[in-house]
Amino acid sequence: MQNLIQIVCATCLAAASAATAQTPVSQPPAGGTPDKMPFDIPYGAAIGLDSAKRLLMLAEAEAKKHDWKMNIAVVDPHGDLLAFERMDGAPFASIAIAQNKARTSARFRRETRVFYNQFETGHTYVQTLDAGLVASPGGFPLVEGGKLVGAIGCSGGTGDQDAAVCKAAADTVR
């Protein structure tokens, strides 16, 4: 009788294990399904070189107020570099970061802080979206007349310092 009970228990355990192995794993949510496409800013004509240079000057002035040494990049709507400035003493490593922040912001039509926030909340898929994507504050789209005309990216300080400098310049574009 004891052998029969052991056989029945073993059979039940094997059946339960097989059923558990076949149960599909639930998929994590992908952010829901919004009614409207997020960050749907239409593309416009690229910002001009004179305007890009003015934005560099505005960002530099903001950085100088705080004695922050920054690399500042302005790109067109495609993410291609239009103007760049490396302030004296700004970190060499931040040159590419500033340019990639601007490129990320233009190509994805949103502030780079959005990617930072997604990454920080466990959405690590962000790193798979684009090889040059920078998930750090400091990249802002430039929207003029409701259309994306480029983006600005800053790097050299903390993410919040980078964002403050670039936002000061980006906010002047209307």
Protein backbone atom coordinates (compact mmCIF):
# COMPACT_ATOMS: atom_id res chain seq x y z
CA MET A 1 0.00 0.00 0.00
CA GLN A 2 2.83 2.40 0.86
CA ASN A 3 4.42 1.77 -2.55
CA LEU A 4 1.13 2.55 -4.24
CA ILE A 5 0.86 5.88 -2.40
CA GLN A 6 4.44 6.77 -3.37
CA ILE A 7 3.76 5.94 -7.03
CA VAL A 8 0.56 8.04 -7.05
CA CYS A 9 2.36 10.99 -5.41
CA ALA A 10 5.25 10.77 -7.86
CA THR A 11 2.81 10.66 -10.79
CA CYS A 12 0.92 13.71 -9.49
CA LEU A 13 4.17 15.60 -8.98
CA ALA A 14 5.35 14.78 -12.51
CA ALA A 15 2.01 15.85 -14.00
CA ALA A 16 2.03 19.12 -12.03
CA SER A 17 5.61 19.87 -13.11
CA ALA A 18 4.77 19.26 -16.75
CA ALA A 19 1.69 21.51 -16.54
CA THR A 20 3.73 24.28 -14.90
CA ALA A 21 6.43 24.03 -17.56
CA GLN A 22 3.81 24.50 -20.27
CA THR A 23 2.18 27.54 -18.68
CA PRO A 24 3.21 30.60 -20.73
CA VAL A 25 5.02 33.35 -18.88
CA SER A 26 3.04 36.58 -18.86
CA GLN A 27 4.67 39.37 -20.83
CA PRO A 28 5.58 42.63 -19.09
CA PRO A 29 3.58 45.69 -20.13
CA ALA A 30 5.15 47.80 -22.88
CA GLY A 31 3.80 51.10 -21.62
CA GLY A 32 0.20 50.67 -22.66
CA THR A 33 -1.51 51.72 -25.83
CA PRO A 34 -2.10 55.47 -25.92
CA ASP A 35 -4.90 56.88 -28.04
CA LYS A 36 -2.55 59.41 -29.59
CA MET A 37 1.02 58.92 -30.84
CA PRO A 38 3.40 60.38 -28.22
CA PHE A 39 6.03 62.92 -29.27
CA ASP A 40 4.40 63.34 -32.67
CA ILE A 41 6.09 66.62 -33.59
CA PRO A 42 6.12 67.19 -37.35
CA TYR A 43 9.51 67.80 -38.94
CA GLY A 44 10.27 71.26 -40.25
CA ALA A 45 13.09 72.89 -42.16
CA ALA A 46 16.43 72.76 -40.37
CA ILE A 47 17.41 75.59 -38.08
CA GLY A 48 19.85 77.97 -39.78
CA LEU A 49 23.52 78.24 -38.90
CA ASP A 50 23.16 81.76 -37.49
CA SER A 51 20.37 80.56 -35.17
CA ALA A 52 22.44 77.55 -34.16
CA LYS A 53 25.39 79.79 -33.28
CA ARG A 54 23.06 82.05 -31.24
CA LEU A 55 21.90 79.00 -29.27
CA LEU A 56 25.52 78.08 -28.55
CA MET A 57 26.10 81.59 -27.19
CA LEU A 58 22.97 81.44 -25.01
CA ALA A 59 23.89 78.04 -23.59
CA GLU A 60 27.47 79.16 -22.98
CA ALA A 61 26.24 82.27 -21.13
CA GLU A 62 24.08 80.09 -18.88
CA ALA A 63 27.00 77.75 -18.18
CA LYS A 64 29.33 80.65 -17.38
CA LYS A 65 26.84 81.99 -14.79
CA HIS A 66 27.49 78.83 -12.79
CA ASP A 67 31.13 78.28 -13.76
CA TRP A 68 30.20 75.03 -15.53
CA LYS A 69 32.41 73.90 -18.40
CA MET A 70 30.29 72.44 -21.17
CA ASN A 71 30.36 70.90 -24.61
CA ILE A 72 27.36 72.17 -26.59
CA ALA A 73 26.03 70.76 -29.85
CA VAL A 74 23.23 71.85 -32.17
CA VAL A 75 21.92 69.43 -34.81
CA ASP A 76 19.33 69.53 -37.60
CA PRO A 77 16.11 67.45 -37.53
CA HIS A 78 18.02 64.41 -38.87
CA GLY A 79 20.52 64.64 -36.02
CA ASP A 80 23.40 65.86 -38.18
CA LEU A 81 25.75 68.36 -36.54
CA LEU A 82 25.27 72.04 -37.43
CA ALA A 83 27.31 73.79 -34.75
CA PHE A 84 29.47 72.77 -31.82
CA GLU A 85 31.39 74.48 -29.05
CA ARG A 86 33.73 73.11 -26.42
CA MET A 87 34.18 75.57 -23.59
CA ASP A 88 37.69 75.87 -22.12
CA GLY A 89 38.22 73.07 -19.64
CA ALA A 90 35.17 71.03 -20.68
CA PRO A 91 35.80 67.27 -20.50
CA PHE A 92 37.00 65.69 -23.74
CA ALA A 93 34.85 62.62 -23.02
CA SER A 94 31.76 64.83 -23.13
CA ILE A 95 32.26 65.96 -26.73
CA ALA A 96 30.62 62.88 -28.23
CA ILE A 97 28.07 62.75 -25.41
CA ALA A 98 26.82 66.29 -26.13
CA GLN A 99 26.56 65.52 -29.84
CA ASN A 100 24.75 62.22 -29.17
CA LYS A 101 22.34 63.87 -26.74
CA ALA A 102 21.40 66.38 -29.44
CA ARG A 103 21.16 63.61 -32.05
CA THR A 104 18.99 61.44 -29.75
CA SER A 105 16.68 64.35 -29.02
CA ALA A 106 16.24 65.21 -32.70
CA ARG A 107 15.78 61.68 -33.99
CA PHE A 108 13.34 60.65 -31.28
CA ARG A 109 11.68 64.10 -31.05
CA ARG A 110 11.83 64.28 -27.27
CA GLU A 111 13.98 65.38 -24.39
CA THR A 112 16.66 62.83 -23.54
CA ARG A 113 15.48 62.83 -19.91
CA VAL A 114 12.56 60.68 -21.11
CA PHE A 115 14.99 57.85 -21.89
CA TYR A 116 16.83 58.41 -18.62
CA ASN A 117 13.55 58.07 -16.70
CA GLN A 118 12.60 54.91 -18.61
CA PHE A 119 15.97 53.33 -17.96
CA GLU A 120 15.90 54.28 -14.27
CA THR A 121 12.47 52.66 -13.84
CA GLY A 122 13.70 49.32 -15.18
CA HIS A 123 12.95 49.64 -18.88
CA THR A 124 16.38 48.47 -20.00
CA TYR A 125 15.15 47.89 -23.56
CA VAL A 126 16.02 51.56 -24.11
CA GLN A 127 19.66 50.57 -24.66
CA THR A 128 18.60 48.48 -27.67
CA LEU A 129 16.84 51.28 -29.58
CA ASP A 130 19.87 52.93 -31.21
CA ALA A 131 23.62 52.48 -30.82
CA GLY A 132 24.18 56.23 -30.28
CA LEU A 133 21.21 56.84 -27.99
CA VAL A 134 22.06 58.71 -24.80
CA ALA A 135 19.68 58.13 -21.88
CA SER A 136 20.81 61.11 -19.82
CA PRO A 137 19.36 64.58 -19.22
CA GLY A 138 20.74 67.39 -21.38
CA GLY A 139 19.22 66.96 -24.86
CA PHE A 140 16.27 69.08 -26.00
CA PRO A 141 14.31 69.21 -29.24
CA LEU A 142 14.09 72.63 -30.88
CA VAL A 143 10.50 73.29 -31.89
CA GLU A 144 9.71 76.40 -33.91
CA GLY A 145 6.17 77.11 -35.08
CA GLY A 146 5.10 73.65 -33.93
CA LYS A 147 7.73 71.87 -36.04
CA LEU A 148 10.99 70.19 -35.13
CA VAL A 149 13.85 72.25 -36.55
CA GLY A 150 16.72 70.58 -34.68
CA ALA A 151 17.96 69.81 -31.19
CA ILE A 152 20.57 70.95 -28.70
CA GLY A 153 22.68 68.76 -26.42
CA CYS A 154 25.00 69.65 -23.55
CA SER A 155 27.48 67.58 -21.59
CA GLY A 156 30.24 68.28 -19.13
CA GLY A 157 28.49 68.49 -15.77
CA THR A 158 25.87 66.40 -14.04
CA GLY A 159 22.79 65.49 -16.03
CA ASP A 160 20.81 68.22 -14.30
CA GLN A 161 23.53 70.82 -14.98
CA ASP A 162 23.64 69.77 -18.63
CA ALA A 163 19.85 70.03 -18.85
CA ALA A 164 19.74 73.47 -17.21
CA VAL A 165 22.26 74.88 -19.68
CA CYS A 166 20.60 73.46 -22.79
CA LYS A 167 17.08 74.26 -21.61
CA ALA A 168 18.02 77.94 -21.21
CA ALA A 169 18.88 78.03 -24.92
CA ALA A 170 16.12 75.70 -26.16
CA ASP A 171 13.41 77.76 -24.43
CA THR A 172 14.26 80.75 -26.66
CA VAL A 173 13.12 78.88 -29.78
CA ARG A 174 9.41 79.36 -30.40
